[in-house]
Amino acid sequence: MIASHAPVPHGPIQPGLGALQLEEHLRDRFAMVRDPRDLTGLTMVVAPERLREAIKYLRDAENLKFAMLLDVVGIDYLSFPDHRESRFAVVYLLKSLDFRHRLSLKVWVDEERPAVPSVHELYKSANWAEREVWDQYGIVFTDHPNLKRLLNHHEFIGHALRKDYPCQKRQKLSVNDMMIDQLEARLKSRGYTLLEHGEQHPGSLITRPSAVPHTGAPPPPGGATGARP
């Protein structure tokens, strides 16, 4: 007998709100406005101070149930034609598994003080997604438990997708990040008690200056050092 491994269906698609109904509902409840830049889907702009309230409502409301956060995306509008809003924006891509509808929430971010509230407590996937946006754009997610580099190394200066650093200048990593803080946070989240931290051994430097200065001349044939026999 061969066991079946066919995926279990999530259930029939339930009737939900259409895009126009959802737009009107969110406009009345949270004073949101539709973003005209989204020509193919529904993107609603929400004020930063109402972001967490709005996302929690979208997740928990029985007629919405946006249970999945697909991604958190940063956008830099510096070179966008005829743009008059803030330079940066953060977009939250949401999906309902019960109604199969999707929605994007956009928050405009001030360039001088780029910060928005973290939603990691509402969606676990936001933890790493917010770290990536901070790493690439420098947008701070307040109350994030561990806002550290995710794609660039921990000694990298600047934020790559801002393109505000010398792109021809290499930034070498000299010492690995031992990530002890992340390991301890994971253990605590699983109920472990840390009895002692112990001694850390970062090891040798990854990069170090050569003992012999490089002159640009090719090495002698056969690996000779110039000494006579």
C-alpha atoms as a PDB file:
ATOM      1  CA  MET A   1       0.000   0.000   0.000  1.00  0.00           C
ATOM      2  CA  ILE A   2       1.385   3.388  -0.998  1.00  0.00           C
ATOM      3  CA  ALA A   3       0.726   6.255   1.380  1.00  0.00           C
ATOM      4  CA  SER A   4      -0.571   9.451  -0.125  1.00  0.00           C
ATOM      5  CA  HIS A   5       1.459  12.612   0.454  1.00  0.00           C
ATOM      6  CA  ALA A   6      -0.951  15.004  -1.230  1.00  0.00           C
ATOM      7  CA  PRO A   7      -1.051  18.396   0.489  1.00  0.00           C
ATOM      8  CA  VAL A   8      -3.972  18.980   2.810  1.00  0.00           C
ATOM      9  CA  PRO A   9      -6.100  21.848   1.450  1.00  0.00           C
ATOM     10  CA  HIS A  10      -6.449  24.866   3.685  1.00  0.00           C
ATOM     11  CA  GLY A  11     -10.194  24.979   3.016  1.00  0.00           C
ATOM     12  CA  PRO A  12     -12.545  26.618   0.565  1.00  0.00           C
ATOM     13  CA  ILE A  13     -12.014  30.272  -0.205  1.00  0.00           C
ATOM     14  CA  GLN A  14     -14.375  32.291   1.933  1.00  0.00           C
ATOM     15  CA  PRO A  15     -16.058  35.420   0.652  1.00  0.00           C
ATOM     16  CA  GLY A  16     -14.178  38.457   1.852  1.00  0.00           C
ATOM     17  CA  LEU A  17     -14.047  42.170   1.231  1.00  0.00           C
ATOM     18  CA  GLY A  18     -13.204  43.399  -2.248  1.00  0.00           C
ATOM     19  CA  ALA A  19     -10.451  45.940  -2.825  1.00  0.00           C
ATOM     20  CA  LEU A  20     -12.858  48.894  -2.877  1.00  0.00           C
ATOM     21  CA  GLN A  21     -14.638  47.680   0.259  1.00  0.00           C
ATOM     22  CA  LEU A  22     -11.344  47.122   2.057  1.00  0.00           C
ATOM     23  CA  GLU A  23     -10.085  50.548   1.014  1.00  0.00           C
ATOM     24  CA  GLU A  24     -13.240  52.229   2.335  1.00  0.00           C
ATOM     25  CA  HIS A  25     -13.159  50.203   5.554  1.00  0.00           C
ATOM     26  CA  LEU A  26      -9.553  51.116   6.363  1.00  0.00           C
ATOM     27  CA  ARG A  27     -10.055  54.740   5.370  1.00  0.00           C
ATOM     28  CA  ASP A  28     -12.942  55.095   7.801  1.00  0.00           C
ATOM     29  CA  ARG A  29     -11.284  53.186  10.667  1.00  0.00           C
ATOM     30  CA  PHE A  30      -7.649  54.330  10.455  1.00  0.00           C
ATOM     31  CA  ALA A  31      -7.803  57.402   8.196  1.00  0.00           C
ATOM     32  CA  MET A  32      -5.707  55.561   5.605  1.00  0.00           C
ATOM     33  CA  VAL A  33      -5.393  56.700   1.999  1.00  0.00           C
ATOM     34  CA  ARG A  34      -4.756  54.597  -1.071  1.00  0.00           C
ATOM     35  CA  ASP A  35      -1.300  54.881  -2.628  1.00  0.00           C
ATOM     36  CA  PRO A  36      -1.718  55.829  -6.327  1.00  0.00           C
ATOM     37  CA  ARG A  37       1.771  54.496  -7.095  1.00  0.00           C
ATOM     38  CA  ASP A  38       0.493  50.918  -6.814  1.00  0.00           C
ATOM     39  CA  LEU A  39      -1.098  50.304 -10.218  1.00  0.00           C
ATOM     40  CA  THR A  40      -1.718  46.565  -9.835  1.00  0.00           C
ATOM     41  CA  GLY A  41      -2.715  45.962  -6.211  1.00  0.00           C
ATOM     42  CA  LEU A  42      -4.051  47.653  -3.103  1.00  0.00           C
ATOM     43  CA  THR A  43      -1.567  49.643  -1.022  1.00  0.00           C
ATOM     44  CA  MET A  44      -2.858  51.748   1.858  1.00  0.00           C
ATOM     45  CA  VAL A  45      -0.756  54.423   3.550  1.00  0.00           C
ATOM     46  CA  VAL A  46      -0.940  54.450   7.353  1.00  0.00           C
ATOM     47  CA  ALA A  47       0.513  56.911   9.865  1.00  0.00           C
ATOM     48  CA  PRO A  48       3.519  55.499  11.789  1.00  0.00           C
ATOM     49  CA  GLU A  49       1.837  56.011  15.155  1.00  0.00           C
ATOM     50  CA  ARG A  50      -1.087  53.806  14.070  1.00  0.00           C
ATOM     51  CA  LEU A  51       0.954  51.124  12.331  1.00  0.00           C
ATOM     52  CA  ARG A  52       0.932  48.499  15.098  1.00  0.00           C
ATOM     53  CA  GLU A  53      -2.731  49.076  15.867  1.00  0.00           C
ATOM     54  CA  ALA A  54      -3.657  48.702  12.201  1.00  0.00           C
ATOM     55  CA  ILE A  55      -1.580  45.557  11.625  1.00  0.00           C
ATOM     56  CA  LYS A  56      -2.958  43.895  14.747  1.00  0.00           C
ATOM     57  CA  TYR A  57      -6.492  44.689  13.603  1.00  0.00           C
ATOM     58  CA  LEU A  58      -5.836  43.324  10.104  1.00  0.00           C
ATOM     59  CA  ARG A  59      -4.441  40.126  11.600  1.00  0.00           C
ATOM     60  CA  ASP A  60      -7.220  39.503  14.147  1.00  0.00           C
ATOM     61  CA  ALA A  61     -10.426  40.842  12.566  1.00  0.00           C
ATOM     62  CA  GLU A  62     -12.732  37.931  11.694  1.00  0.00           C
ATOM     63  CA  ASN A  63     -13.654  39.365   8.305  1.00  0.00           C
ATOM     64  CA  LEU A  64     -10.013  40.056   7.342  1.00  0.00           C
ATOM     65  CA  LYS A  65      -7.601  37.543   8.956  1.00  0.00           C
ATOM     66  CA  PHE A  66      -4.349  38.724   7.389  1.00  0.00           C
ATOM     67  CA  ALA A  67      -2.472  35.969   9.204  1.00  0.00           C
ATOM     68  CA  MET A  68       0.658  35.971   7.025  1.00  0.00           C
ATOM     69  CA  LEU A  69       3.289  38.682   6.758  1.00  0.00           C
ATOM     70  CA  LEU A  70       4.967  37.900   3.440  1.00  0.00           C
ATOM     71  CA  ASP A  71       7.728  40.493   3.699  1.00  0.00           C
ATOM     72  CA  VAL A  72       8.840  43.873   4.986  1.00  0.00           C
ATOM     73  CA  VAL A  73      10.344  46.019   2.222  1.00  0.00           C
ATOM     74  CA  GLY A  74      12.256  49.284   2.289  1.00  0.00           C
ATOM     75  CA  ILE A  75      11.988  51.771  -0.591  1.00  0.00           C
ATOM     76  CA  ASP A  76      14.210  54.739  -1.432  1.00  0.00           C
ATOM     77  CA  TYR A  77      12.378  57.313  -3.580  1.00  0.00           C
ATOM     78  CA  LEU A  78      15.398  59.590  -3.977  1.00  0.00           C
ATOM     79  CA  SER A  79      15.349  59.425  -7.808  1.00  0.00           C
ATOM     80  CA  PHE A  80      11.627  58.710  -8.281  1.00  0.00           C
ATOM     81  CA  PRO A  81      10.141  61.148 -10.854  1.00  0.00           C
ATOM     82  CA  ASP A  82       8.103  64.021  -9.401  1.00  0.00           C
ATOM     83  CA  HIS A  83       8.250  62.568  -5.884  1.00  0.00           C
ATOM     84  CA  ARG A  84       7.166  64.988  -3.145  1.00  0.00           C
ATOM     85  CA  GLU A  85       6.761  62.711  -0.132  1.00  0.00           C
ATOM     86  CA  SER A  86       9.429  61.508   2.299  1.00  0.00           C
ATOM     87  CA  ARG A  87      12.499  59.901   0.801  1.00  0.00           C
ATOM     88  CA  PHE A  88      12.002  56.505   2.449  1.00  0.00           C
ATOM     89  CA  ALA A  89       9.044  54.189   2.939  1.00  0.00           C
ATOM     90  CA  VAL A  90       8.502  50.794   4.549  1.00  0.00           C
ATOM     91  CA  VAL A  91       5.925  48.455   3.007  1.00  0.00           C
ATOM     92  CA  TYR A  92       4.330  45.465   4.777  1.00  0.00           C
ATOM     93  CA  LEU A  93       3.001  42.753   2.446  1.00  0.00           C
ATOM     94  CA  LEU A  94       0.081  40.915   4.058  1.00  0.00           C
ATOM     95  CA  LYS A  95      -1.947  37.902   2.947  1.00  0.00           C
ATOM     96  CA  SER A  96      -5.070  36.215   4.286  1.00  0.00           C
ATOM     97  CA  LEU A  97      -4.973  32.413   4.192  1.00  0.00           C
ATOM     98  CA  ASP A  98      -8.740  32.186   4.710  1.00  0.00           C
ATOM     99  CA  PHE A  99      -9.905  34.769   2.192  1.00  0.00           C
ATOM    100  CA  ARG A 100      -6.847  34.616  -0.126  1.00  0.00           C
ATOM    101  CA  HIS A 101      -6.797  38.396  -0.452  1.00  0.00           C
ATOM    102  CA  ARG A 102      -3.678  40.535  -0.177  1.00  0.00           C
ATOM    103  CA  LEU A 103      -2.918  44.015   1.080  1.00  0.00           C
ATOM    104  CA  SER A 104       0.144  46.227   1.353  1.00  0.00           C
ATOM    105  CA  LEU A 105       0.570  48.785   4.130  1.00  0.00           C
ATOM    106  CA  LYS A 106       2.972  51.660   3.521  1.00  0.00           C
ATOM    107  CA  VAL A 107       4.558  53.946   6.104  1.00  0.00           C
ATOM    108  CA  TRP A 108       6.441  57.070   5.057  1.00  0.00           C
ATOM    109  CA  VAL A 109       9.737  57.465   6.929  1.00  0.00           C
ATOM    110  CA  ASP A 110      11.470  60.723   7.754  1.00  0.00           C
ATOM    111  CA  GLU A 111      14.932  60.936   6.194  1.00  0.00           C
ATOM    112  CA  GLU A 112      16.497  62.781   9.134  1.00  0.00           C
ATOM    113  CA  ARG A 113      15.122  60.399  11.771  1.00  0.00           C
ATOM    114  CA  PRO A 114      14.244  57.178   9.932  1.00  0.00           C
ATOM    115  CA  ALA A 115      12.358  55.119  12.496  1.00  0.00           C
ATOM    116  CA  VAL A 116       9.143  53.076  12.642  1.00  0.00           C
ATOM    117  CA  PRO A 117       7.724  50.782  15.360  1.00  0.00           C
ATOM    118  CA  SER A 118       8.745  47.130  15.226  1.00  0.00           C
ATOM    119  CA  VAL A 119       6.003  44.544  14.667  1.00  0.00           C
ATOM    120  CA  HIS A 120       8.097  41.501  15.581  1.00  0.00           C
ATOM    121  CA  GLU A 121       5.680  40.648  18.398  1.00  0.00           C
ATOM    122  CA  LEU A 122       2.781  40.450  15.937  1.00  0.00           C
ATOM    123  CA  TYR A 123       4.577  38.394  13.278  1.00  0.00           C
ATOM    124  CA  LYS A 124       7.685  36.328  13.993  1.00  0.00           C
ATOM    125  CA  SER A 125       8.875  36.713  10.405  1.00  0.00           C
ATOM    126  CA  ALA A 126       9.193  40.470  10.980  1.00  0.00           C
ATOM    127  CA  ASN A 127      12.224  39.895  13.205  1.00  0.00           C
ATOM    128  CA  TRP A 128      14.642  39.100  10.371  1.00  0.00           C
ATOM    129  CA  ALA A 129      12.773  41.128   7.737  1.00  0.00           C
ATOM    130  CA  GLU A 130      13.163  44.295   9.812  1.00  0.00           C
ATOM    131  CA  ARG A 131      16.837  43.544  10.378  1.00  0.00           C
ATOM    132  CA  GLU A 132      17.362  43.325   6.623  1.00  0.00           C
ATOM    133  CA  VAL A 133      15.647  46.682   5.990  1.00  0.00           C
ATOM    134  CA  TRP A 134      17.727  48.348   8.719  1.00  0.00           C
ATOM    135  CA  ASP A 135      20.913  46.772   7.382  1.00  0.00           C
ATOM    136  CA  GLN A 136      20.290  47.965   3.817  1.00  0.00           C
ATOM    137  CA  TYR A 137      18.522  51.304   4.368  1.00  0.00           C
ATOM    138  CA  GLY A 138      19.348  52.403   7.920  1.00  0.00           C
ATOM    139  CA  ILE A 139      15.676  52.563   8.946  1.00  0.00           C
ATOM    140  CA  VAL A 140      15.437  51.880  12.684  1.00  0.00           C
ATOM    141  CA  PHE A 141      12.664  49.635  14.017  1.00  0.00           C
ATOM    142  CA  THR A 142      12.071  50.801  17.561  1.00  0.00           C
ATOM    143  CA  ASP A 143      11.739  48.116  20.259  1.00  0.00           C
ATOM    144  CA  HIS A 144      13.271  45.455  18.004  1.00  0.00           C
ATOM    145  CA  PRO A 145      14.979  42.883  20.267  1.00  0.00           C
ATOM    146  CA  ASN A 146      18.204  42.547  18.263  1.00  0.00           C
ATOM    147  CA  LEU A 147      18.622  45.032  15.423  1.00  0.00           C
ATOM    148  CA  LYS A 148      21.916  43.795  13.994  1.00  0.00           C
ATOM    149  CA  ARG A 149      23.408  43.342  10.538  1.00  0.00           C
ATOM    150  CA  LEU A 150      21.953  40.502   8.524  1.00  0.00           C
ATOM    151  CA  LEU A 151      23.453  40.710   5.011  1.00  0.00           C
ATOM    152  CA  ASN A 152      26.448  43.004   5.510  1.00  0.00           C
ATOM    153  CA  HIS A 153      29.106  42.086   8.051  1.00  0.00           C
ATOM    154  CA  HIS A 154      29.076  43.694  11.492  1.00  0.00           C
ATOM    155  CA  GLU A 155      31.999  46.039  10.717  1.00  0.00           C
ATOM    156  CA  PHE A 156      30.358  47.459   7.570  1.00  0.00           C
ATOM    157  CA  ILE A 157      29.969  51.250   7.690  1.00  0.00           C
ATOM    158  CA  GLY A 158      26.894  52.686   5.974  1.00  0.00           C
ATOM    159  CA  HIS A 159      23.814  51.106   4.426  1.00  0.00           C
ATOM    160  CA  ALA A 160      24.263  49.556   1.012  1.00  0.00           C
ATOM    161  CA  LEU A 161      20.953  50.414  -0.692  1.00  0.00           C
ATOM    162  CA  ARG A 162      21.213  54.062   0.306  1.00  0.00           C
ATOM    163  CA  LYS A 163      24.224  54.250  -2.014  1.00  0.00           C
ATOM    164  CA  ASP A 164      25.687  56.963   0.209  1.00  0.00           C
ATOM    165  CA  TYR A 165      29.110  55.395   0.740  1.00  0.00           C
ATOM    166  CA  PRO A 166      32.127  55.031  -1.610  1.00  0.00           C
ATOM    167  CA  CYS A 167      31.064  51.993  -3.644  1.00  0.00           C
ATOM    168  CA  GLN A 168      34.625  51.442  -4.860  1.00  0.00           C
ATOM    169  CA  LYS A 169      35.964  51.299  -1.324  1.00  0.00           C
ATOM    170  CA  ARG A 170      36.240  47.777   0.007  1.00  0.00           C
ATOM    171  CA  GLN A 171      35.212  47.187   3.600  1.00  0.00           C
ATOM    172  CA  LYS A 172      37.020  44.102   4.817  1.00  0.00           C
ATOM    173  CA  LEU A 173      35.941  42.112   7.844  1.00  0.00           C
ATOM    174  CA  SER A 174      38.744  41.794  10.395  1.00  0.00           C
ATOM    175  CA  VAL A 175      37.092  39.774  13.211  1.00  0.00           C
ATOM    176  CA  ASN A 176      34.111  37.451  12.981  1.00  0.00           C
ATOM    177  CA  ASP A 177      30.966  38.227  14.946  1.00  0.00           C
ATOM    178  CA  MET A 178      30.620  35.377  17.436  1.00  0.00           C
ATOM    179  CA  MET A 179      26.841  36.014  17.695  1.00  0.00           C
ATOM    180  CA  ILE A 180      26.812  35.064  21.386  1.00  0.00           C
ATOM    181  CA  ASP A 181      24.001  37.547  22.042  1.00  0.00           C
ATOM    182  CA  GLN A 182      21.791  35.882  19.427  1.00  0.00           C
ATOM    183  CA  LEU A 183      22.545  32.420  20.800  1.00  0.00           C
ATOM    184  CA  GLU A 184      21.714  33.504  24.348  1.00  0.00           C
ATOM    185  CA  ALA A 185      18.467  35.129  23.212  1.00  0.00           C
ATOM    186  CA  ARG A 186      17.439  31.914  21.440  1.00  0.00           C
ATOM    187  CA  LEU A 187      18.183  29.811  24.523  1.00  0.00           C
ATOM    188  CA  LYS A 188      16.207  32.131  26.793  1.00  0.00           C
ATOM    189  CA  SER A 189      13.248  32.059  24.398  1.00  0.00           C
ATOM    190  CA  ARG A 190      13.206  28.273  24.731  1.00  0.00           C
ATOM    191  CA  GLY A 191      13.165  28.351  28.531  1.00  0.00           C
ATOM    192  CA  TYR A 192      16.846  27.783  29.292  1.00  0.00           C
ATOM    193  CA  THR A 193      18.582  29.577  32.180  1.00  0.00           C
ATOM    194  CA  LEU A 194      22.112  30.861  31.531  1.00  0.00           C
ATOM    195  CA  LEU A 195      24.343  29.945  34.460  1.00  0.00           C
ATOM    196  CA  GLU A 196      27.543  31.572  33.188  1.00  0.00           C
ATOM    197  CA  HIS A 197      28.820  33.238  30.065  1.00  0.00           C
ATOM    198  CA  GLY A 198      32.280  31.733  30.006  1.00  0.00           C
ATOM    199  CA  GLU A 199      35.302  33.146  28.269  1.00  0.00           C
ATOM    200  CA  GLN A 200      35.029  34.154  24.635  1.00  0.00           C
ATOM    201  CA  HIS A 201      37.844  33.305  22.208  1.00  0.00           C
ATOM    202  CA  PRO A 202      37.445  35.405  19.067  1.00  0.00           C
ATOM    203  CA  GLY A 203      40.569  33.863  17.523  1.00  0.00           C
ATOM    204  CA  SER A 204      43.039  35.470  15.160  1.00  0.00           C
ATOM    205  CA  LEU A 205      42.304  38.380  12.899  1.00  0.00           C
ATOM    206  CA  ILE A 206      40.882  37.414   9.531  1.00  0.00           C
ATOM    207  CA  THR A 207      42.868  40.110   7.751  1.00  0.00           C
ATOM    208  CA  ARG A 208      46.253  41.383   8.798  1.00  0.00           C
ATOM    209  CA  PRO A 209      49.013  43.364   7.059  1.00  0.00           C
ATOM    210  CA  SER A 210      51.652  41.303   5.321  1.00  0.00           C
ATOM    211  CA  ALA A 211      55.082  41.045   6.963  1.00  0.00           C
ATOM    212  CA  VAL A 212      56.702  41.884   3.604  1.00  0.00           C
ATOM    213  CA  PRO A 213      55.362  45.036   1.923  1.00  0.00           C
ATOM    214  CA  HIS A 214      53.992  44.453  -1.556  1.00  0.00           C
ATOM    215  CA  THR A 215      56.025  46.295  -4.182  1.00  0.00           C
ATOM    216  CA  GLY A 216      54.004  45.288  -7.218  1.00  0.00           C
ATOM    217  CA  ALA A 217      56.957  43.372  -8.750  1.00  0.00           C
ATOM    218  CA  PRO A 218      56.336  39.735  -9.790  1.00  0.00           C
ATOM    219  CA  PRO A 219      57.853  37.035  -7.557  1.00  0.00           C
ATOM    220  CA  PRO A 220      61.162  35.504  -8.669  1.00  0.00           C
ATOM    221  CA  PRO A 221      60.948  32.212 -10.613  1.00  0.00           C
ATOM    222  CA  GLY A 222      60.913  28.998  -8.669  1.00  0.00           C
ATOM    223  CA  GLY A 223      60.046  30.759  -5.450  1.00  0.00           C
ATOM    224  CA  ALA A 224      63.689  31.947  -5.015  1.00  0.00           C
ATOM    225  CA  THR A 225      64.289  34.527  -2.329  1.00  0.00           C
ATOM    226  CA  GLY A 226      67.313  36.146  -3.918  1.00  0.00           C
ATOM    227  CA  ALA A 227      69.864  34.378  -1.697  1.00  0.00           C
ATOM    228  CA  ARG A 228      72.832  32.764  -3.423  1.00  0.00           C
ATOM    229  CA  PRO A 229      73.663  29.092  -2.809  1.00  0.00           C
END
